[in-house]
Amino acid sequence: MLLCKEPKEVLIEKRLKNRLPKLQLYDMEPCEKCKGYMKQGVIVIPFDESKTDFEETIKVPNPKFKSPYSTPHEDMMIDTKTPNFYTTGFFVLKDEALQRIADGMEKDGLSDASDIMKKGIEKRVLFIPDGFAKSIGIVTEEE
């Protein structure tokens, strides 16, 4: 589901699938296809900051409640804010290449950016703004 947008597991009742497609909750655990990308390197996902909703509110299961049902009751859900990234594509970058970028940033005194790159290597996925991706040369301007 991560990149290919093919749901691995729907977390709400399937009978609502056709009526409420925007409100479906999916398991964000990577599917086999996305795991394959992660084995090749770090999945880098540039996003357009001007079109990204950083304050989108979604409902997620409240960890305080354990539901005996596959779908938690509405009373067991809580609101949370999560970015709804307006992604502009993706590509896979080898760990070594991303590590070189992180090391260069550290030398230039950009330790926060370097830490983000290193966290991407650890997590296997890295969301970065388009402008930043262009400034470090891993994405080129479209013609």
Protein backbone atom coordinates (compact mmCIF):
# COMPACT_ATOMS: atom_id res chain seq x y z
CA MET A 1 0.00 0.00 0.00
CA LEU A 2 2.83 2.36 0.74
CA LEU A 3 3.66 3.26 -2.86
CA CYS A 4 1.75 1.06 -5.18
CA LYS A 5 -1.51 2.14 -3.50
CA GLU A 6 -2.73 -1.45 -3.68
CA PRO A 7 -4.39 -2.18 -0.33
CA LYS A 8 -2.87 -5.09 1.53
CA GLU A 9 -5.59 -5.15 4.15
CA VAL A 10 -8.72 -3.05 4.57
CA LEU A 11 -9.31 -2.18 8.20
CA ILE A 12 -12.98 -1.22 7.97
CA GLU A 13 -15.90 -3.31 6.93
CA LYS A 14 -15.69 -4.32 3.30
CA ARG A 15 -19.41 -3.75 2.76
CA LEU A 16 -18.68 0.00 3.03
CA LYS A 17 -15.96 -0.26 0.40
CA ASN A 18 -18.06 0.94 -2.55
CA ARG A 19 -19.95 3.58 -0.60
CA LEU A 20 -17.12 5.18 1.35
CA PRO A 21 -13.91 4.75 -0.64
CA LYS A 22 -12.32 7.94 0.74
CA LEU A 23 -13.01 6.88 4.31
CA GLN A 24 -11.47 3.44 4.09
CA LEU A 25 -8.64 2.68 6.45
CA TYR A 26 -5.82 0.58 5.12
CA ASP A 27 -3.00 -1.24 6.81
CA MET A 28 0.09 0.84 6.06
CA GLU A 29 2.34 -2.17 6.40
CA PRO A 30 4.20 -2.46 3.09
CA CYS A 31 2.92 -5.06 0.65
CA GLU A 32 5.31 -7.52 -0.99
CA LYS A 33 5.83 -5.21 -3.97
CA CYS A 34 6.86 -2.28 -1.73
CA LYS A 35 9.01 -4.56 0.46
CA GLY A 36 10.87 -5.47 -2.73
CA TYR A 37 11.63 -1.79 -3.32
CA MET A 38 12.82 -1.48 0.28
CA LYS A 39 15.26 -4.34 -0.21
CA GLN A 40 16.78 -2.46 -3.15
CA GLY A 41 17.34 0.71 -1.12
CA VAL A 42 15.50 3.59 0.51
CA ILE A 43 12.21 4.64 -1.05
CA VAL A 44 12.43 8.42 -1.52
CA ILE A 45 9.06 10.13 -1.93
CA PRO A 46 9.19 13.81 -2.89
CA PHE A 47 6.09 15.89 -2.11
CA ASP A 48 4.77 19.31 -3.09
CA GLU A 49 4.61 21.40 0.09
CA SER A 50 2.15 23.89 -1.39
CA LYS A 51 -0.39 21.13 -2.10
CA THR A 52 0.20 19.03 1.02
CA ASP A 53 -2.34 19.24 3.84
CA PHE A 54 -0.23 19.13 6.99
CA GLU A 55 -3.24 19.43 9.28
CA GLU A 56 -5.60 16.77 7.94
CA THR A 57 -7.55 15.14 10.75
CA ILE A 58 -8.26 11.44 10.56
CA LYS A 59 -9.79 8.94 12.97
CA VAL A 60 -7.58 6.16 14.27
CA PRO A 61 -8.20 3.40 16.82
CA ASN A 62 -7.66 4.58 20.38
CA PRO A 63 -4.87 2.40 21.81
CA LYS A 64 -6.62 2.47 25.22
CA PHE A 65 -9.45 0.31 23.88
CA LYS A 66 -9.20 -3.26 22.71
CA SER A 67 -12.06 -4.17 20.42
CA PRO A 68 -13.27 -7.77 20.14
CA TYR A 69 -14.45 -6.86 16.65
CA SER A 70 -12.37 -6.50 13.54
CA THR A 71 -13.57 -2.91 13.16
CA PRO A 72 -13.46 -0.68 16.26
CA HIS A 73 -16.69 1.06 17.22
CA GLU A 74 -16.76 4.83 16.60
CA ASP A 75 -16.51 5.46 20.37
CA MET A 76 -13.15 3.67 20.29
CA MET A 77 -11.70 6.05 17.69
CA ILE A 78 -9.79 9.27 18.28
CA ASP A 79 -8.96 12.18 16.01
CA THR A 80 -5.34 12.72 15.10
CA LYS A 81 -3.56 15.10 12.76
CA THR A 82 -1.43 13.58 10.07
CA PRO A 83 0.10 15.00 6.90
CA ASN A 84 -1.71 14.12 3.71
CA PHE A 85 1.28 14.34 1.39
CA TYR A 86 0.76 15.45 -2.20
CA THR A 87 3.40 13.16 -3.62
CA THR A 88 5.04 13.78 -6.96
CA GLY A 89 6.45 10.32 -7.57
CA PHE A 90 9.01 8.07 -5.96
CA PHE A 91 12.31 6.41 -6.61
CA VAL A 92 14.68 4.07 -4.82
CA LEU A 93 18.06 5.35 -3.70
CA LYS A 94 20.80 2.95 -2.58
CA ASP A 95 21.74 3.20 1.09
CA GLU A 96 25.30 4.18 0.20
CA ALA A 97 24.16 7.11 -1.94
CA LEU A 98 21.85 8.42 0.76
CA GLN A 99 24.60 7.98 3.36
CA ARG A 100 26.98 10.05 1.19
CA ILE A 101 24.36 12.80 1.00
CA ALA A 102 23.88 12.65 4.79
CA ASP A 103 27.64 12.79 5.40
CA GLY A 104 27.98 15.80 3.07
CA MET A 105 25.20 17.60 4.91
CA GLU A 106 26.86 16.91 8.24
CA LYS A 107 30.14 18.38 6.95
CA ASP A 108 28.23 21.46 5.79
CA GLY A 109 26.76 21.92 9.27
CA LEU A 110 23.30 20.65 8.35
CA SER A 111 23.10 18.03 11.08
CA ASP A 112 19.28 18.13 11.30
CA ALA A 113 18.95 17.34 7.59
CA SER A 114 21.65 14.70 7.92
CA ASP A 115 19.72 13.07 10.78
CA ILE A 116 16.58 12.95 8.64
CA MET A 117 18.50 11.19 5.85
CA LYS A 118 19.91 8.66 8.33
CA LYS A 119 16.43 8.05 9.75
CA GLY A 120 15.27 7.36 6.17
CA ILE A 121 17.96 4.70 5.84
CA GLU A 122 16.76 3.12 9.09
CA LYS A 123 13.03 3.25 8.23
CA ARG A 124 13.54 2.46 4.49
CA VAL A 125 11.19 5.31 3.48
CA LEU A 126 11.90 9.04 3.24
CA PHE A 127 9.36 11.78 2.50
CA ILE A 128 11.09 15.00 1.44
CA PRO A 129 9.87 18.30 -0.02
CA ASP A 130 10.35 18.69 -3.79
CA GLY A 131 12.39 21.85 -3.33
CA PHE A 132 14.79 20.13 -0.95
CA ALA A 133 15.15 17.13 -3.28
CA LYS A 134 15.99 19.51 -6.14
CA SER A 135 18.43 21.54 -4.02
CA ILE A 136 20.51 18.46 -3.16
CA GLY A 137 20.40 17.19 -6.73
CA ILE A 138 18.44 13.97 -6.36
CA VAL A 139 15.51 15.33 -8.40
CA THR A 140 15.88 17.53 -11.48
CA GLU A 141 13.61 20.32 -12.69
CA GLU A 142 10.87 19.18 -15.03
CA GLU A 143 11.02 20.60 -18.51
